[in-house]
Amino acid sequence: MAALDLLGRRGALRILWELREGRVLTFRALQAAAELPPGTLNKRLAELRAADVVAAEGGYRLSPRGTDLIVALWPLLRWSDEWASAIGL
């Protein structure tokens, strides 16, 4: 499962989360929002760009494939919210 390998890397999901809903962020703004060291952020962005999930045009944003990925992740977010509520988190 190549997608799960990519998304399981430190900061990958956080980067996607920060770029959701059409957000476009500079490297510094994304670094501050994602709370990642510059080296880690740079590596993740390179991997996400190579996977055609993130694009770098006037800042970093989700590619169309990245937007599709966010849509695919919404059911997991709903499940996570219900699970957290059920166990009192």
C-alpha atoms as a PDB file:
ATOM      1  CA  MET A   1       0.000   0.000   0.000  1.00  0.00           C
ATOM      2  CA  ALA A   2       2.147   2.822  -1.300  1.00  0.00           C
ATOM      3  CA  ALA A   3      -0.370   5.511  -0.303  1.00  0.00           C
ATOM      4  CA  LEU A   4      -0.414   4.391   3.334  1.00  0.00           C
ATOM      5  CA  ASP A   5       3.373   4.301   3.378  1.00  0.00           C
ATOM      6  CA  LEU A   6       3.502   7.882   2.109  1.00  0.00           C
ATOM      7  CA  LEU A   7       0.764   9.157   4.420  1.00  0.00           C
ATOM      8  CA  GLY A   8       2.270   7.409   7.427  1.00  0.00           C
ATOM      9  CA  ARG A   9       5.473   9.425   7.236  1.00  0.00           C
ATOM     10  CA  ARG A  10       5.995  12.125   9.833  1.00  0.00           C
ATOM     11  CA  GLY A  11       4.086  15.272   8.947  1.00  0.00           C
ATOM     12  CA  ALA A  12       2.530  14.077   5.681  1.00  0.00           C
ATOM     13  CA  LEU A  13      -1.072  14.100   6.894  1.00  0.00           C
ATOM     14  CA  ARG A  14      -0.521  17.387   8.716  1.00  0.00           C
ATOM     15  CA  ILE A  15       0.700  18.994   5.484  1.00  0.00           C
ATOM     16  CA  LEU A  16      -2.405  17.782   3.665  1.00  0.00           C
ATOM     17  CA  TRP A  17      -4.597  19.062   6.485  1.00  0.00           C
ATOM     18  CA  GLU A  18      -3.019  22.512   6.355  1.00  0.00           C
ATOM     19  CA  LEU A  19      -3.492  22.696   2.566  1.00  0.00           C
ATOM     20  CA  ARG A  20      -7.132  21.566   2.582  1.00  0.00           C
ATOM     21  CA  GLU A  21      -9.982  23.699   1.241  1.00  0.00           C
ATOM     22  CA  GLY A  22      -7.886  25.368  -1.432  1.00  0.00           C
ATOM     23  CA  ARG A  23      -5.329  26.910   0.902  1.00  0.00           C
ATOM     24  CA  VAL A  24      -2.073  28.056  -0.682  1.00  0.00           C
ATOM     25  CA  LEU A  25       0.827  28.518   1.736  1.00  0.00           C
ATOM     26  CA  THR A  26       4.426  29.573   1.400  1.00  0.00           C
ATOM     27  CA  PHE A  27       7.093  27.261   2.784  1.00  0.00           C
ATOM     28  CA  ARG A  28       7.444  29.367   5.939  1.00  0.00           C
ATOM     29  CA  ALA A  29       3.699  29.617   6.508  1.00  0.00           C
ATOM     30  CA  LEU A  30       3.319  25.874   5.989  1.00  0.00           C
ATOM     31  CA  GLN A  31       6.240  25.191   8.316  1.00  0.00           C
ATOM     32  CA  ALA A  32       4.634  27.287  11.059  1.00  0.00           C
ATOM     33  CA  ALA A  33       1.174  25.770  10.532  1.00  0.00           C
ATOM     34  CA  ALA A  34       2.383  22.170  10.371  1.00  0.00           C
ATOM     35  CA  GLU A  35       4.915  22.671  13.179  1.00  0.00           C
ATOM     36  CA  LEU A  36       7.610  20.750  11.307  1.00  0.00           C
ATOM     37  CA  PRO A  37      11.359  21.335  11.132  1.00  0.00           C
ATOM     38  CA  PRO A  38      12.430  22.738   7.744  1.00  0.00           C
ATOM     39  CA  GLY A  39      14.332  19.600   6.746  1.00  0.00           C
ATOM     40  CA  THR A  40      11.374  17.336   7.450  1.00  0.00           C
ATOM     41  CA  LEU A  41       8.951  19.662   5.682  1.00  0.00           C
ATOM     42  CA  ASN A  42      11.226  19.919   2.648  1.00  0.00           C
ATOM     43  CA  LYS A  43      11.529  16.134   2.409  1.00  0.00           C
ATOM     44  CA  ARG A  44       7.769  15.547   2.805  1.00  0.00           C
ATOM     45  CA  LEU A  45       6.930  18.208   0.247  1.00  0.00           C
ATOM     46  CA  ALA A  46       9.326  16.609  -2.234  1.00  0.00           C
ATOM     47  CA  GLU A  47       7.680  13.221  -1.658  1.00  0.00           C
ATOM     48  CA  LEU A  48       4.145  14.614  -1.890  1.00  0.00           C
ATOM     49  CA  ARG A  49       5.037  16.532  -5.055  1.00  0.00           C
ATOM     50  CA  ALA A  50       6.580  13.410  -6.613  1.00  0.00           C
ATOM     51  CA  ALA A  51       3.348  11.553  -5.780  1.00  0.00           C
ATOM     52  CA  ASP A  52       1.326  14.336  -7.500  1.00  0.00           C
ATOM     53  CA  VAL A  53      -0.515  15.151  -4.272  1.00  0.00           C
ATOM     54  CA  VAL A  54       0.959  18.634  -3.713  1.00  0.00           C
ATOM     55  CA  ALA A  55       1.798  21.268  -6.309  1.00  0.00           C
ATOM     56  CA  ALA A  56       4.139  24.237  -5.962  1.00  0.00           C
ATOM     57  CA  GLU A  57       2.728  27.119  -7.962  1.00  0.00           C
ATOM     58  CA  GLY A  58       2.775  30.469  -6.197  1.00  0.00           C
ATOM     59  CA  GLY A  59       3.125  28.579  -2.928  1.00  0.00           C
ATOM     60  CA  TYR A  60       2.196  25.055  -1.931  1.00  0.00           C
ATOM     61  CA  ARG A  61      -1.311  23.755  -2.592  1.00  0.00           C
ATOM     62  CA  LEU A  62      -3.069  20.459  -3.119  1.00  0.00           C
ATOM     63  CA  SER A  63      -3.044  19.151  -6.664  1.00  0.00           C
ATOM     64  CA  PRO A  64      -6.313  17.787  -8.074  1.00  0.00           C
ATOM     65  CA  ARG A  65      -5.146  14.331  -6.937  1.00  0.00           C
ATOM     66  CA  GLY A  66      -4.462  15.765  -3.473  1.00  0.00           C
ATOM     67  CA  THR A  67      -7.961  17.223  -3.340  1.00  0.00           C
ATOM     68  CA  ASP A  68      -9.344  13.786  -4.235  1.00  0.00           C
ATOM     69  CA  LEU A  69      -7.266  12.318  -1.402  1.00  0.00           C
ATOM     70  CA  ILE A  70      -8.782  14.751   1.119  1.00  0.00           C
ATOM     71  CA  VAL A  71     -12.264  13.698  -0.041  1.00  0.00           C
ATOM     72  CA  ALA A  72     -11.274  10.054   0.449  1.00  0.00           C
ATOM     73  CA  LEU A  73     -10.026  10.816   3.982  1.00  0.00           C
ATOM     74  CA  TRP A  74     -13.250  12.502   5.221  1.00  0.00           C
ATOM     75  CA  PRO A  75     -14.889   9.188   6.245  1.00  0.00           C
ATOM     76  CA  LEU A  76     -11.811   8.422   8.357  1.00  0.00           C
ATOM     77  CA  LEU A  77     -12.138  11.819  10.046  1.00  0.00           C
ATOM     78  CA  ARG A  78     -15.822  11.151  10.827  1.00  0.00           C
ATOM     79  CA  TRP A  79     -14.932   7.707  12.214  1.00  0.00           C
ATOM     80  CA  SER A  80     -12.142   9.229  14.288  1.00  0.00           C
ATOM     81  CA  ASP A  81     -14.462  11.859  15.787  1.00  0.00           C
ATOM     82  CA  GLU A  82     -17.059   9.213  16.698  1.00  0.00           C
ATOM     83  CA  TRP A  83     -14.387   6.920  18.160  1.00  0.00           C
ATOM     84  CA  ALA A  84     -12.827   9.700  20.234  1.00  0.00           C
ATOM     85  CA  SER A  85     -16.223  10.693  21.568  1.00  0.00           C
ATOM     86  CA  ALA A  86     -17.127   7.093  22.433  1.00  0.00           C
ATOM     87  CA  ILE A  87     -13.973   6.555  24.474  1.00  0.00           C
ATOM     88  CA  GLY A  88     -14.063   9.982  26.093  1.00  0.00           C
ATOM     89  CA  LEU A  89     -11.205  11.730  24.333  1.00  0.00           C
END
